[in-house]
C-alpha atoms as a PDB file:
ATOM      1  CA  MET A   1      -0.004   0.208   0.347  1.00  0.00           C
ATOM      2  CA  GLU A   2       2.731   2.497   0.557  1.00  0.00           C
ATOM      3  CA  ASP A   3       4.312   1.438  -2.428  1.00  0.00           C
ATOM      4  CA  SER A   4       2.754   4.303  -5.169  1.00  0.00           C
ATOM      5  CA  GLN A   5       4.224   3.758  -8.133  1.00  0.00           C
ATOM      6  CA  ASP A   6       1.716   1.288  -9.490  1.00  0.00           C
ATOM      7  CA  SER A   7      -1.294   2.958  -7.894  1.00  0.00           C
ATOM      8  CA  PRO A   8      -4.292   3.427 -10.254  1.00  0.00           C
ATOM      9  CA  ALA A   9      -4.609   6.741  -9.163  1.00  0.00           C
ATOM     10  CA  ASP A  10      -1.403   7.887 -10.671  1.00  0.00           C
ATOM     11  CA  GLU A  11      -3.066   7.119 -13.686  1.00  0.00           C
ATOM     12  CA  TRP A  12      -5.031  10.579 -13.729  1.00  0.00           C
ATOM     13  CA  PRO A  13      -2.815  12.844 -10.794  1.00  0.00           C
ATOM     14  CA  PRO A  14      -4.717  15.512  -9.592  1.00  0.00           C
ATOM     15  CA  THR A  15      -4.381  18.742 -10.424  1.00  0.00           C
ATOM     16  CA  ALA A  16      -5.729  22.482  -9.327  1.00  0.00           C
ATOM     17  CA  VAL A  17      -7.607  22.997 -12.571  1.00  0.00           C
ATOM     18  CA  GLU A  18      -9.248  19.255 -12.792  1.00  0.00           C
ATOM     19  CA  GLN A  19     -12.868  19.465 -12.123  1.00  0.00           C
ATOM     20  CA  GLY A  20     -15.830  17.237 -12.552  1.00  0.00           C
ATOM     21  CA  HIS A  21     -14.122  13.580 -12.861  1.00  0.00           C
ATOM     22  CA  VAL A  22     -15.607  10.331 -11.311  1.00  0.00           C
ATOM     23  CA  HIS A  23     -13.768   7.398  -9.903  1.00  0.00           C
ATOM     24  CA  VAL A  24     -15.703   4.384  -8.824  1.00  0.00           C
ATOM     25  CA  TRP A  25     -14.458   1.410  -7.355  1.00  0.00           C
ATOM     26  CA  HIS A  26     -16.297  -1.699  -6.015  1.00  0.00           C
ATOM     27  CA  SER A  27     -15.905  -3.447  -2.840  1.00  0.00           C
ATOM     28  CA  ALA A  28     -13.565  -6.616  -3.039  1.00  0.00           C
ATOM     29  CA  ALA A  29     -11.649  -9.360  -1.177  1.00  0.00           C
ATOM     30  CA  SER A  30      -8.900  -8.747   0.854  1.00  0.00           C
ATOM     31  CA  THR A  31      -6.626 -10.138  -1.313  1.00  0.00           C
ATOM     32  CA  GLU A  32      -7.726  -8.025  -4.013  1.00  0.00           C
ATOM     33  CA  GLN A  33      -6.562  -4.584  -4.959  1.00  0.00           C
ATOM     34  CA  LEU A  34      -9.345  -1.882  -5.263  1.00  0.00           C
ATOM     35  CA  SER A  35      -8.793  -0.246  -8.568  1.00  0.00           C
ATOM     36  CA  PRO A  36     -10.819   2.738  -9.142  1.00  0.00           C
ATOM     37  CA  GLU A  37     -12.649   3.116 -12.690  1.00  0.00           C
ATOM     38  CA  ARG A  38     -12.666   6.400 -14.542  1.00  0.00           C
ATOM     39  CA  ALA A  39     -15.507   7.870 -16.175  1.00  0.00           C
ATOM     40  CA  LEU A  40     -14.669   8.707 -19.896  1.00  0.00           C
ATOM     41  CA  LEU A  41     -17.304  11.733 -20.405  1.00  0.00           C
ATOM     42  CA  SER A  42     -16.331  14.469 -22.528  1.00  0.00           C
ATOM     43  CA  THR A  43     -17.923  17.036 -20.266  1.00  0.00           C
ATOM     44  CA  SER A  44     -17.931  17.858 -16.243  1.00  0.00           C
ATOM     45  CA  VAL A  45     -19.957  15.845 -13.720  1.00  0.00           C
ATOM     46  CA  VAL A  46     -21.439  17.662 -11.444  1.00  0.00           C
ATOM     47  CA  GLN A  47     -23.615  15.577  -9.477  1.00  0.00           C
ATOM     48  CA  VAL A  48     -23.411  11.616  -8.972  1.00  0.00           C
ATOM     49  CA  SER A  49     -26.183   9.219  -7.103  1.00  0.00           C
ATOM     50  CA  LEU A  50     -25.325   5.616  -6.428  1.00  0.00           C
ATOM     51  CA  GLY A  51     -27.969   2.814  -6.335  1.00  0.00           C
ATOM     52  CA  ASP A  52     -27.492  -1.045  -5.545  1.00  0.00           C
ATOM     53  CA  HIS A  53     -25.638  -2.309  -8.369  1.00  0.00           C
ATOM     54  CA  HIS A  54     -26.177   1.004 -10.767  1.00  0.00           C
ATOM     55  CA  GLY A  55     -25.739   4.799 -10.740  1.00  0.00           C
ATOM     56  CA  LEU A  56     -26.326   7.759 -12.442  1.00  0.00           C
ATOM     57  CA  LEU A  57     -24.130  11.117 -13.581  1.00  0.00           C
ATOM     58  CA  LEU A  58     -25.378  14.261 -14.321  1.00  0.00           C
ATOM     59  CA  ALA A  59     -23.338  16.092 -16.478  1.00  0.00           C
ATOM     60  CA  GLN A  60     -22.644  19.804 -17.064  1.00  0.00           C
ATOM     61  CA  GLY A  61     -25.756  20.869 -19.286  1.00  0.00           C
ATOM     62  CA  GLY A  62     -28.472  18.611 -17.816  1.00  0.00           C
ATOM     63  CA  GLN A  63     -27.708  15.647 -19.295  1.00  0.00           C
ATOM     64  CA  VAL A  64     -27.609  12.114 -17.711  1.00  0.00           C
ATOM     65  CA  PHE A  65     -25.855   9.218 -17.945  1.00  0.00           C
ATOM     66  CA  SER A  66     -26.294   5.719 -16.572  1.00  0.00           C
ATOM     67  CA  PHE A  67     -24.277   2.815 -15.555  1.00  0.00           C
ATOM     68  CA  GLY A  68     -24.078  -0.595 -13.451  1.00  0.00           C
ATOM     69  CA  GLU A  69     -26.610  -3.287 -14.139  1.00  0.00           C
ATOM     70  CA  LEU A  70     -29.682  -1.841 -15.412  1.00  0.00           C
ATOM     71  CA  THR A  71     -32.039  -4.590 -14.621  1.00  0.00           C
ATOM     72  CA  TRP A  72     -34.549  -3.144 -16.468  1.00  0.00           C
ATOM     73  CA  ARG A  73     -33.031  -2.896 -19.496  1.00  0.00           C
ATOM     74  CA  ASP A  74     -30.963  -6.176 -19.359  1.00  0.00           C
ATOM     75  CA  LEU A  75     -27.982  -4.358 -20.113  1.00  0.00           C
ATOM     76  CA  ARG A  76     -24.580  -4.128 -17.732  1.00  0.00           C
ATOM     77  CA  VAL A  77     -22.689  -0.975 -18.656  1.00  0.00           C
ATOM     78  CA  PRO A  78     -19.099  -0.365 -17.080  1.00  0.00           C
ATOM     79  CA  LEU A  79     -18.538   3.170 -16.158  1.00  0.00           C
ATOM     80  CA  SER A  80     -15.863   3.678 -18.467  1.00  0.00           C
ATOM     81  CA  ALA A  81     -19.081   4.204 -21.141  1.00  0.00           C
ATOM     82  CA  PRO A  82     -21.947   5.197 -19.351  1.00  0.00           C
ATOM     83  CA  VAL A  83     -25.017   5.248 -21.474  1.00  0.00           C
ATOM     84  CA  LEU A  84     -26.783   8.670 -21.986  1.00  0.00           C
ATOM     85  CA  GLU A  85     -30.513   8.590 -21.499  1.00  0.00           C
ATOM     86  CA  VAL A  86     -31.266  10.327 -24.693  1.00  0.00           C
ATOM     87  CA  SER A  87     -34.972  10.033 -23.977  1.00  0.00           C
ATOM     88  CA  LEU A  88     -34.626  13.165 -21.431  1.00  0.00           C
ATOM     89  CA  LEU A  89     -32.932  15.170 -24.361  1.00  0.00           C
ATOM     90  CA  GLY A  90     -35.322  18.104 -25.650  1.00  0.00           C
ATOM     91  CA  LYS A  91     -37.015  18.071 -22.075  1.00  0.00           C
ATOM     92  CA  ALA A  92     -36.220  20.961 -19.736  1.00  0.00           C
ATOM     93  CA  ALA A  93     -32.561  20.518 -18.481  1.00  0.00           C
ATOM     94  CA  VAL A  94     -32.080  18.263 -15.391  1.00  0.00           C
ATOM     95  CA  VAL A  95     -31.133  20.005 -12.155  1.00  0.00           C
ATOM     96  CA  PHE A  96     -30.773  16.476  -9.957  1.00  0.00           C
ATOM     97  CA  VAL A  97     -30.554  12.752 -10.138  1.00  0.00           C
ATOM     98  CA  ALA A  98     -31.543  10.366  -7.461  1.00  0.00           C
ATOM     99  CA  ALA A  99     -30.642   6.457  -7.449  1.00  0.00           C
ATOM    100  CA  GLY A 100     -33.084   3.967  -5.678  1.00  0.00           C
ATOM    101  CA  GLY A 101     -32.090   0.918  -4.749  1.00  0.00           C
ATOM    102  CA  PHE A 102     -32.941  -0.221  -8.291  1.00  0.00           C
ATOM    103  CA  HIS A 103     -34.523   2.716  -9.872  1.00  0.00           C
ATOM    104  CA  CYS A 104     -33.693   6.204 -10.960  1.00  0.00           C
ATOM    105  CA  GLY A 105     -35.158   9.989 -10.671  1.00  0.00           C
ATOM    106  CA  ALA A 106     -34.618  12.680 -12.178  1.00  0.00           C
ATOM    107  CA  LEU A 107     -35.531  16.258 -11.683  1.00  0.00           C
ATOM    108  CA  THR A 108     -35.705  19.162 -13.995  1.00  0.00           C
ATOM    109  CA  GLU A 109     -35.445  23.091 -13.700  1.00  0.00           C
ATOM    110  CA  GLN A 110     -39.039  23.413 -14.388  1.00  0.00           C
ATOM    111  CA  GLY A 111     -39.642  21.117 -11.159  1.00  0.00           C
ATOM    112  CA  SER A 112     -41.073  18.327 -13.389  1.00  0.00           C
ATOM    113  CA  VAL A 113     -40.059  14.537 -12.145  1.00  0.00           C
ATOM    114  CA  PHE A 114     -39.170  11.942 -14.450  1.00  0.00           C
ATOM    115  CA  MET A 115     -38.408   8.087 -13.240  1.00  0.00           C
ATOM    116  CA  TRP A 116     -37.666   4.707 -14.791  1.00  0.00           C
ATOM    117  CA  GLY A 117     -36.467   1.339 -13.543  1.00  0.00           C
ATOM    118  CA  GLU A 118     -37.716  -1.190 -11.281  1.00  0.00           C
ATOM    119  CA  ASN A 119     -41.562  -0.578 -10.524  1.00  0.00           C
ATOM    120  CA  ALA A 120     -42.972  -3.675  -8.750  1.00  0.00           C
ATOM    121  CA  ALA A 121     -43.485  -1.938  -5.654  1.00  0.00           C
ATOM    122  CA  GLY A 122     -44.830   1.225  -7.035  1.00  0.00           C
ATOM    123  CA  GLN A 123     -41.644   2.896  -6.787  1.00  0.00           C
ATOM    124  CA  CYS A 124     -41.499   4.940  -9.939  1.00  0.00           C
ATOM    125  CA  GLY A 125     -45.041   6.500  -9.339  1.00  0.00           C
ATOM    126  CA  LEU A 126     -46.507   5.236 -12.630  1.00  0.00           C
ATOM    127  CA  THR A 127     -48.907   3.115 -13.854  1.00  0.00           C
ATOM    128  CA  GLU A 128     -49.607   0.851 -17.100  1.00  0.00           C
ATOM    129  CA  ARG A 129     -49.587   2.733 -20.173  1.00  0.00           C
ATOM    130  CA  GLY A 130     -47.768   2.009 -23.461  1.00  0.00           C
ATOM    131  CA  ALA A 131     -44.339   0.856 -22.596  1.00  0.00           C
ATOM    132  CA  VAL A 132     -44.760   0.917 -19.080  1.00  0.00           C
ATOM    133  CA  THR A 133     -45.838  -2.074 -16.887  1.00  0.00           C
ATOM    134  CA  ASN A 134     -46.173  -2.803 -13.692  1.00  0.00           C
ATOM    135  CA  ILE A 135     -43.031  -4.639 -13.362  1.00  0.00           C
ATOM    136  CA  SER A 136     -40.590  -2.166 -14.971  1.00  0.00           C
ATOM    137  CA  VAL A 137     -40.353   1.416 -16.636  1.00  0.00           C
ATOM    138  CA  PRO A 138     -37.463   0.921 -18.976  1.00  0.00           C
ATOM    139  CA  GLU A 139     -37.204   4.721 -20.254  1.00  0.00           C
ATOM    140  CA  PRO A 140     -37.527   7.708 -17.973  1.00  0.00           C
ATOM    141  CA  SER A 141     -41.399   8.695 -17.799  1.00  0.00           C
ATOM    142  CA  LEU A 142     -42.971  11.822 -16.795  1.00  0.00           C
ATOM    143  CA  VAL A 143     -44.505  11.391 -12.904  1.00  0.00           C
ATOM    144  CA  SER A 144     -47.378  13.348 -12.820  1.00  0.00           C
ATOM    145  CA  VAL A 145     -47.794  15.275  -9.061  1.00  0.00           C
ATOM    146  CA  VAL A 146     -50.848  16.746  -8.643  1.00  0.00           C
ATOM    147  CA  ASP A 147     -52.588  18.627  -5.791  1.00  0.00           C
ATOM    148  CA  THR A 148     -56.185  17.426  -6.076  1.00  0.00           C
ATOM    149  CA  GLU A 149     -57.334  19.201  -2.758  1.00  0.00           C
ATOM    150  CA  VAL A 150     -57.489  22.668  -4.902  1.00  0.00           C
ATOM    151  CA  ILE A 151     -60.121  23.689  -7.736  1.00  0.00           C
ATOM    152  CA  PRO A 152     -59.030  23.402 -10.328  1.00  0.00           C
ATOM    153  CA  PRO A 153     -56.133  20.658  -9.308  1.00  0.00           C
ATOM    154  CA  MET A 154     -52.655  21.999  -9.625  1.00  0.00           C
ATOM    155  CA  VAL A 155     -49.429  20.202 -11.096  1.00  0.00           C
ATOM    156  CA  VAL A 156     -46.815  20.547  -8.306  1.00  0.00           C
ATOM    157  CA  GLN A 157     -43.528  21.809  -8.802  1.00  0.00           C
ATOM    158  CA  VAL A 158     -40.721  19.639  -7.020  1.00  0.00           C
ATOM    159  CA  VAL A 159     -37.666  21.268  -5.881  1.00  0.00           C
ATOM    160  CA  GLU A 160     -35.922  17.952  -4.489  1.00  0.00           C
ATOM    161  CA  LEU A 161     -36.037  14.157  -5.237  1.00  0.00           C
ATOM    162  CA  ALA A 162     -35.108  11.020  -3.030  1.00  0.00           C
ATOM    163  CA  CYS A 163     -35.567   7.289  -3.532  1.00  0.00           C
ATOM    164  CA  GLY A 164     -34.910   4.350  -1.285  1.00  0.00           C
ATOM    165  CA  ARG A 165     -35.227   0.523  -2.604  1.00  0.00           C
ATOM    166  CA  GLU A 166     -39.096   0.578  -3.038  1.00  0.00           C
ATOM    167  CA  HIS A 167     -40.509   4.168  -2.343  1.00  0.00           C
ATOM    168  CA  SER A 168     -39.325   7.704  -3.513  1.00  0.00           C
ATOM    169  CA  LEU A 169     -40.281  11.142  -1.553  1.00  0.00           C
ATOM    170  CA  ALA A 170     -40.753  14.399  -3.500  1.00  0.00           C
ATOM    171  CA  LEU A 171     -40.167  17.896  -1.566  1.00  0.00           C
ATOM    172  CA  SER A 172     -42.635  20.488  -3.204  1.00  0.00           C
ATOM    173  CA  ALA A 173     -42.226  24.216  -3.641  1.00  0.00           C
ATOM    174  CA  GLN A 174     -44.923  25.147  -1.310  1.00  0.00           C
ATOM    175  CA  ASN A 175     -42.668  22.600   1.339  1.00  0.00           C
ATOM    176  CA  GLU A 176     -44.957  19.959   1.535  1.00  0.00           C
ATOM    177  CA  LEU A 177     -43.789  16.069   1.459  1.00  0.00           C
ATOM    178  CA  TRP A 178     -45.285  14.124  -1.383  1.00  0.00           C
ATOM    179  CA  ALA A 179     -44.375   9.707  -1.286  1.00  0.00           C
ATOM    180  CA  TRP A 180     -45.174   6.813  -3.403  1.00  0.00           C
ATOM    181  CA  GLY A 181     -44.371   3.407  -3.840  1.00  0.00           C
ATOM    182  CA  SER A 182     -44.759   0.640  -0.967  1.00  0.00           C
ATOM    183  CA  GLY A 183     -44.288   0.372   2.959  1.00  0.00           C
ATOM    184  CA  CYS A 184     -44.903   2.430   5.955  1.00  0.00           C
ATOM    185  CA  GLN A 185     -41.816   4.297   5.232  1.00  0.00           C
ATOM    186  CA  LEU A 186     -43.811   6.296   2.994  1.00  0.00           C
ATOM    187  CA  GLY A 187     -45.776   7.793   5.939  1.00  0.00           C
ATOM    188  CA  LEU A 188     -49.197   7.429   4.488  1.00  0.00           C
ATOM    189  CA  VAL A 189     -52.435   6.557   6.226  1.00  0.00           C
ATOM    190  CA  THR A 190     -52.929   3.344   4.393  1.00  0.00           C
ATOM    191  CA  SER A 191     -52.239  -0.340   4.260  1.00  0.00           C
ATOM    192  CA  SER A 192     -52.955  -0.682   0.698  1.00  0.00           C
ATOM    193  CA  PHE A 193     -49.777  -1.249  -1.074  1.00  0.00           C
ATOM    194  CA  PRO A 194     -48.537   0.001  -4.042  1.00  0.00           C
ATOM    195  CA  VAL A 195     -49.194   3.409  -3.803  1.00  0.00           C
ATOM    196  CA  LYS A 196     -48.472   3.591  -7.546  1.00  0.00           C
ATOM    197  CA  LYS A 197     -49.332   7.424  -7.677  1.00  0.00           C
ATOM    198  CA  PRO A 198     -47.584  10.371  -5.574  1.00  0.00           C
ATOM    199  CA  MET A 199     -49.686  10.997  -2.321  1.00  0.00           C
ATOM    200  CA  LYS A 200     -49.643  14.066   0.168  1.00  0.00           C
ATOM    201  CA  VAL A 201     -48.072  12.984   3.313  1.00  0.00           C
ATOM    202  CA  GLU A 202     -51.002  14.556   5.419  1.00  0.00           C
ATOM    203  CA  HIS A 203     -49.410  14.201   8.702  1.00  0.00           C
ATOM    204  CA  LEU A 204     -46.566  16.995   7.708  1.00  0.00           C
ATOM    205  CA  ALA A 205     -49.240  19.299   6.323  1.00  0.00           C
ATOM    206  CA  GLY A 206     -49.548  22.399   7.526  1.00  0.00           C
ATOM    207  CA  ARG A 207     -45.486  22.294   8.412  1.00  0.00           C
ATOM    208  CA  HIS A 208     -42.414  23.727   6.570  1.00  0.00           C
ATOM    209  CA  VAL A 209     -40.425  20.868   5.289  1.00  0.00           C
ATOM    210  CA  ILE A 210     -36.801  21.766   4.545  1.00  0.00           C
ATOM    211  CA  GLN A 211     -35.362  18.676   2.842  1.00  0.00           C
ATOM    212  CA  VAL A 212     -36.107  14.816   2.503  1.00  0.00           C
ATOM    213  CA  ALA A 213     -33.827  11.523   2.468  1.00  0.00           C
ATOM    214  CA  CYS A 214     -34.369   7.913   2.120  1.00  0.00           C
ATOM    215  CA  GLY A 215     -32.737   5.005   3.092  1.00  0.00           C
ATOM    216  CA  ALA A 216     -33.527   1.513   2.254  1.00  0.00           C
ATOM    217  CA  TYR A 217     -37.216   1.236   3.850  1.00  0.00           C
ATOM    218  CA  HIS A 218     -37.114   4.246   5.912  1.00  0.00           C
ATOM    219  CA  SER A 219     -37.085   8.495   5.753  1.00  0.00           C
ATOM    220  CA  LEU A 220     -36.402  11.366   6.815  1.00  0.00           C
ATOM    221  CA  ALA A 221     -37.732  15.063   6.752  1.00  0.00           C
ATOM    222  CA  LEU A 222     -36.176  18.025   8.452  1.00  0.00           C
ATOM    223  CA  VAL A 223     -38.892  20.358   9.201  1.00  0.00           C
ATOM    224  CA  ARG A 224     -39.011  24.101  10.097  1.00  0.00           C
ATOM    225  CA  THR A 225     -40.220  24.549  13.982  1.00  0.00           C
ATOM    226  CA  LEU A 226     -42.963  27.376  13.886  1.00  0.00           C
ATOM    227  CA  PRO A 227     -43.723  29.167  17.102  1.00  0.00           C
ATOM    228  CA  PRO A 228     -47.213  27.668  18.565  1.00  0.00           C
ATOM    229  CA  GLN A 229     -49.410  30.605  17.495  1.00  0.00           C
ATOM    230  CA  VAL A 230     -48.084  30.364  13.735  1.00  0.00           C
ATOM    231  CA  TYR A 231     -48.811  26.532  13.909  1.00  0.00           C
ATOM    232  CA  LYS A 232     -52.411  27.554  15.071  1.00  0.00           C
ATOM    233  CA  THR A 233     -53.486  29.830  12.659  1.00  0.00           C
ATOM    234  CA  GLN A 234     -51.645  28.165   9.821  1.00  0.00           C
ATOM    235  CA  SER A 235     -52.888  24.737  10.361  1.00  0.00           C
ATOM    236  CA  SER A 236     -56.429  23.790   8.838  1.00  0.00           C
ATOM    237  CA  PRO A 237     -59.021  22.635  11.488  1.00  0.00           C
ATOM    238  CA  LYS A 238     -58.103  18.922  10.878  1.00  0.00           C
ATOM    239  CA  ILE A 239     -54.613  19.576  11.487  1.00  0.00           C
ATOM    240  CA  ARG A 240     -55.212  21.827  14.938  1.00  0.00           C
ATOM    241  CA  GLU A 241     -57.962  19.065  16.274  1.00  0.00           C
ATOM    242  CA  ARG A 242     -54.743  16.481  15.475  1.00  0.00           C
ATOM    243  CA  GLY A 243     -52.197  18.629  17.282  1.00  0.00           C
ATOM    244  CA  PRO A 244     -48.388  18.750  16.881  1.00  0.00           C
ATOM    245  CA  LEU A 245     -47.102  15.435  16.500  1.00  0.00           C
ATOM    246  CA  ASN A 246     -45.490  14.050  19.851  1.00  0.00           C
ATOM    247  CA  HIS A 247     -41.869  14.156  20.943  1.00  0.00           C
ATOM    248  CA  CYS A 248     -40.742  10.872  21.512  1.00  0.00           C
ATOM    249  CA  PRO A 249     -38.022   9.673  23.503  1.00  0.00           C
ATOM    250  CA  VAL A 250     -36.551   6.323  22.380  1.00  0.00           C
ATOM    251  CA  SER A 251     -37.086   4.440  25.320  1.00  0.00           C
ATOM    252  CA  ASP A 252     -41.023   5.701  24.610  1.00  0.00           C
ATOM    253  CA  ARG A 253     -40.533   4.465  21.037  1.00  0.00           C
ATOM    254  CA  GLU A 254     -41.430   0.580  21.597  1.00  0.00           C
ATOM    255  CA  GLU A 255     -44.906   1.547  22.863  1.00  0.00           C
ATOM    256  CA  LEU A 256     -45.668   3.274  19.530  1.00  0.00           C
ATOM    257  CA  LEU A 257     -45.019   0.737  16.891  1.00  0.00           C
ATOM    258  CA  SER A 258     -47.244  -1.978  15.710  1.00  0.00           C
ATOM    259  CA  SER A 259     -46.151  -5.447  16.534  1.00  0.00           C
ATOM    260  CA  ASP A 260     -44.153  -5.583  12.761  1.00  0.00           C
ATOM    261  CA  GLU A 261     -41.855  -3.071  14.338  1.00  0.00           C
ATOM    262  CA  ALA A 262     -42.884  -0.652  11.357  1.00  0.00           C
ATOM    263  CA  HIS A 263     -45.038   2.294  11.690  1.00  0.00           C
ATOM    264  CA  TYR A 264     -46.282   5.032   9.447  1.00  0.00           C
ATOM    265  CA  CYS A 265     -46.946   7.723  11.455  1.00  0.00           C
ATOM    266  CA  PRO A 266     -43.517  10.412  11.924  1.00  0.00           C
ATOM    267  CA  LEU A 267     -42.039  10.673  15.126  1.00  0.00           C
ATOM    268  CA  GLY A 268     -40.832  14.178  15.606  1.00  0.00           C
ATOM    269  CA  VAL A 269     -37.600  14.987  17.554  1.00  0.00           C
ATOM    270  CA  GLU A 270     -36.274  18.777  18.112  1.00  0.00           C
ATOM    271  CA  LEU A 271     -32.938  19.811  16.772  1.00  0.00           C
ATOM    272  CA  LYS A 272     -30.540  22.582  18.576  1.00  0.00           C
ATOM    273  CA  ASP A 273     -27.544  23.638  17.077  1.00  0.00           C
ATOM    274  CA  ASP A 274     -25.554  21.379  19.501  1.00  0.00           C
ATOM    275  CA  VAL A 275     -27.749  18.049  19.704  1.00  0.00           C
ATOM    276  CA  LYS A 276     -27.020  15.104  22.160  1.00  0.00           C
ATOM    277  CA  ILE A 277     -26.488  11.844  19.813  1.00  0.00           C
ATOM    278  CA  GLU A 278     -28.001   8.840  20.980  1.00  0.00           C
ATOM    279  CA  SER A 279     -25.335   6.107  19.520  1.00  0.00           C
ATOM    280  CA  SER A 280     -24.164   2.531  20.423  1.00  0.00           C
ATOM    281  CA  PRO A 281     -20.842   2.134  22.324  1.00  0.00           C
ATOM    282  CA  ARG A 282     -19.045   1.026  19.509  1.00  0.00           C
ATOM    283  CA  ARG A 283     -19.836   4.147  17.068  1.00  0.00           C
ATOM    284  CA  GLN A 284     -19.430   7.860  18.336  1.00  0.00           C
ATOM    285  CA  ILE A 285     -20.963  10.407  16.454  1.00  0.00           C
ATOM    286  CA  PRO A 286     -19.329  13.895  16.894  1.00  0.00           C
ATOM    287  CA  LYS A 287     -21.851  16.481  17.966  1.00  0.00           C
ATOM    288  CA  GLN A 288     -22.835  19.176  14.998  1.00  0.00           C
ATOM    289  CA  LYS A 289     -24.295  22.061  13.599  1.00  0.00           C
ATOM    290  CA  LEU A 290     -27.608  21.825  11.426  1.00  0.00           C
ATOM    291  CA  HIS A 291     -27.928  25.068   9.162  1.00  0.00           C
ATOM    292  CA  PRO A 292     -31.231  25.607   7.629  1.00  0.00           C
ATOM    293  CA  GLY A 293     -31.061  25.340   4.016  1.00  0.00           C
ATOM    294  CA  ARG A 294     -27.760  23.291   3.774  1.00  0.00           C
ATOM    295  CA  LYS A 295     -27.570  19.907   3.373  1.00  0.00           C
ATOM    296  CA  SER A 296     -27.550  18.202   6.705  1.00  0.00           C
ATOM    297  CA  THR A 297     -29.114  14.787   6.176  1.00  0.00           C
ATOM    298  CA  ASP A 298     -28.418  11.915   3.341  1.00  0.00           C
ATOM    299  CA  SER A 299     -29.235   8.190   3.376  1.00  0.00           C
ATOM    300  CA  SER A 300     -27.745   5.353   0.990  1.00  0.00           C
ATOM    301  CA  PRO A 301     -30.925   3.440  -0.829  1.00  0.00           C
ATOM    302  CA  GLY A 302     -28.504   0.518   0.358  1.00  0.00           C
ATOM    303  CA  SER A 303     -28.425   1.450   4.230  1.00  0.00           C
ATOM    304  CA  ARG A 304     -30.370  -0.538   6.845  1.00  0.00           C
ATOM    305  CA  ALA A 305     -29.175   1.442   9.578  1.00  0.00           C
ATOM    306  CA  SER A 306     -30.129   4.491  11.143  1.00  0.00           C
ATOM    307  CA  PHE A 307     -29.496   6.931  13.988  1.00  0.00           C
ATOM    308  CA  CYS A 308     -31.772   9.628  15.406  1.00  0.00           C
ATOM    309  CA  LEU A 309     -30.533  13.195  16.510  1.00  0.00           C
ATOM    310  CA  PHE A 310     -32.024  14.105  20.144  1.00  0.00           C
ATOM    311  CA  SER A 311     -32.439  17.353  22.450  1.00  0.00           C
ATOM    312  CA  GLU A 312     -33.245  17.195  26.040  1.00  0.00           C
ATOM    313  CA  ASP A 313     -34.102  20.607  26.467  1.00  0.00           C
ATOM    314  CA  GLY A 314     -35.459  23.953  25.014  1.00  0.00           C
ATOM    315  CA  LEU A 315     -37.041  24.969  21.497  1.00  0.00           C
ATOM    316  CA  SER A 316     -35.116  24.601  18.196  1.00  0.00           C
ATOM    317  CA  ASP A 317     -34.841  25.553  14.991  1.00  0.00           C
ATOM    318  CA  ASN A 318     -35.930  22.552  12.877  1.00  0.00           C
ATOM    319  CA  ARG A 319     -37.251  19.522  13.479  1.00  0.00           C
ATOM    320  CA  LEU A 320     -36.349  15.663  12.259  1.00  0.00           C
ATOM    321  CA  TYR A 321     -39.335  13.344  11.694  1.00  0.00           C
ATOM    322  CA  SER A 322     -38.593   9.727  10.529  1.00  0.00           C
ATOM    323  CA  SER A 323     -40.765   7.107   9.256  1.00  0.00           C
ATOM    324  CA  SER A 324     -40.024   3.687   8.460  1.00  0.00           C
END
């Protein structure tokens, strides 16, 4: 390891002007040497998102490239020659990509969502039509996110997208959360799955959602805490009757869960600038500060582990909600 003469990294020595290059390496046995593979693109990459066995590259200019095991197309594409998602060309420029366990999402600058990949759990938010089936969506297809609670129904502008293994989340410009797919991680009041079209997460209605993230089978939403008087004036009668979500310590959590250890009602925990972390003795997580508007949470679609942040006293600027 100390001999750098044969290091694959030396093939592309870093320079002060080198930007937008992507290197990916896979897990390997202890006897094998990890060899980072470089994506050979003629344009700079501005974002990367990885799923279980595939990945997405967002290039400068809004082009989207895919690589890895694209099971919905029966393709295996090396990173050295990623394929361009041609069907996205001519649409509004893509500004964000999200890779789920086995599905993909792209968000355009106009707030439209395109999804493709495995769809057996409804995670692509598309019903059967044309080339789209209940099993897979071979090409990027427009997802209809429509608020039917207003008259006339209004198309929702999405500003953030997150994907798990069997579900997807979208954050709207109105700071509302939408979900589709399967499982209690959707946070929806239903036991009928899959949910094949985006549905508003009513448990967070009236709250100002700042950011969302998906794990494999759980979801997180960062929510701005409003003063009590503001909360009462902005909430609907239905929301006021339900009241704010409980602040649930870990010791009481088991009493709120069903027998299968899954729950759809998001549990809220308040965060301060300096937060105490409840973690296992083997993993110590340092204290951190949360800054509204900055990326503060993220989860891998393949991750099965999570941790919660708790504050013991005082009011906070933000609150974190989780459903799994």
